[in-house]
Protein backbone atom coordinates (compact mmCIF):
# COMPACT_ATOMS: atom_id res chain seq x y z
CA MET A 1 83.76 89.73 -0.90
CA ASN A 2 84.91 86.22 -1.39
CA LYS A 3 86.58 85.00 -4.28
CA ILE A 4 86.35 81.02 -4.28
CA ASP A 5 86.93 78.71 -7.28
CA GLU A 6 84.17 75.79 -8.34
CA VAL A 7 84.24 73.40 -10.67
CA ILE A 8 81.77 72.73 -13.69
CA LYS A 9 81.61 69.76 -15.66
CA ILE A 10 80.54 70.17 -19.74
CA GLU A 11 79.24 66.80 -20.39
CA SER A 12 79.59 67.23 -24.73
CA CYS A 13 81.70 69.99 -25.77
CA PRO A 14 79.88 71.65 -28.83
CA GLU A 15 83.20 71.61 -30.52
CA CYS A 16 84.41 67.94 -30.05
CA HIS A 17 81.42 66.18 -27.96
CA LYS A 18 83.98 65.34 -25.12
CA THR A 19 83.42 65.96 -21.91
CA HIS A 20 85.62 68.53 -19.84
CA SER A 21 85.60 69.96 -16.57
CA TYR A 22 86.53 74.22 -15.77
CA LYS A 23 87.75 75.92 -13.06
CA LEU A 24 85.54 79.07 -12.50
CA GLU A 25 86.48 81.78 -10.28
CA VAL A 26 83.20 82.84 -8.63
CA THR A 27 83.65 86.19 -6.79
CA ARG A 28 80.43 86.51 -3.87
CA CYS A 29 79.50 89.37 -2.03
CA LEU A 30 78.28 87.94 1.40
CA ILE A 31 76.13 89.91 3.55
CA MET A 32 76.55 89.57 7.60
CA GLY A 33 73.73 90.50 9.90
CA LEU A 34 70.90 89.02 11.81
CA MET A 35 68.91 87.05 9.67
CA THR A 36 65.52 86.67 9.59
CA GLU A 37 63.10 84.03 9.95
CA ASN A 38 62.44 83.85 6.52
CA GLU A 39 65.93 83.99 5.84
CA LEU A 40 66.55 80.77 7.58
CA LEU A 41 64.09 79.35 5.58
CA GLU A 42 65.36 80.46 2.16
CA LYS A 43 65.96 78.29 -0.58
CA PRO A 44 68.82 79.06 -3.03
CA SER A 45 67.98 80.47 -5.72
CA GLU A 46 69.54 79.14 -9.29
CA LYS A 47 71.34 82.01 -11.09
CA LYS A 48 72.15 81.32 -14.96
CA LEU A 49 75.19 82.30 -16.78
CA THR A 50 77.05 82.18 -20.07
CA ARG A 51 80.53 81.92 -20.26
CA THR A 52 83.02 81.20 -23.15
CA PHE A 53 84.72 78.29 -22.65
CA HIS A 54 87.81 76.68 -25.07
CA CYS A 55 87.76 73.51 -26.15
CA PRO A 56 91.50 72.06 -25.98
CA ASN A 57 91.15 69.29 -28.51
CA THR A 58 90.31 71.96 -31.49
CA GLN A 59 91.47 74.67 -29.42
CA LYS A 60 88.37 77.25 -30.39
CA ASP A 61 86.47 79.21 -28.36
CA PHE A 62 82.77 78.32 -27.65
CA GLU A 63 79.70 79.37 -25.45
CA ALA A 64 77.91 77.32 -22.96
CA SER A 65 75.31 78.48 -19.98
CA PHE A 66 75.55 76.51 -16.71
CA THR A 67 73.32 77.83 -13.14
CA LEU A 68 74.89 78.51 -9.90
CA THR A 69 72.86 78.90 -6.71
CA GLU A 70 72.68 82.02 -4.65
CA THR A 71 70.88 82.94 -1.55
CA SER A 72 69.80 86.50 -0.50
CA MET A 73 72.76 86.32 2.08
CA ASP A 74 75.22 84.98 -0.54
CA ARG A 75 75.10 86.82 -4.27
CA ILE A 76 77.19 86.40 -7.01
CA GLU A 77 78.66 88.90 -7.94
CA GLU A 78 81.23 87.86 -11.03
CA VAL A 79 82.35 84.89 -12.63
CA LYS A 80 85.43 84.08 -14.92
CA VAL A 81 86.57 81.11 -16.10
CA SER A 82 89.79 80.31 -14.82
CA GLY A 83 90.98 77.32 -16.64
CA ILE A 84 90.48 73.66 -17.70
CA VAL A 85 90.34 70.86 -15.37
CA SER A 86 90.20 68.10 -17.54
């Protein structure tokens, strides 16, 4: 498994209507092996997730949905909100 940081932007916070960027800790399961022709041609699929975020202006929590991409060789296992960037 591989943990990487990714950043998402929420354009309009439901609490204060301002833009915030959040850092996500994404754990992906990398599947190693010989790739088939179909896997080489595979387009990434979208995985819709919902997480709880914290508005720095109102100090309230809110839920928001976002989309990350994955392939059959790079599956998303877990996503945690690890902090606010701006």
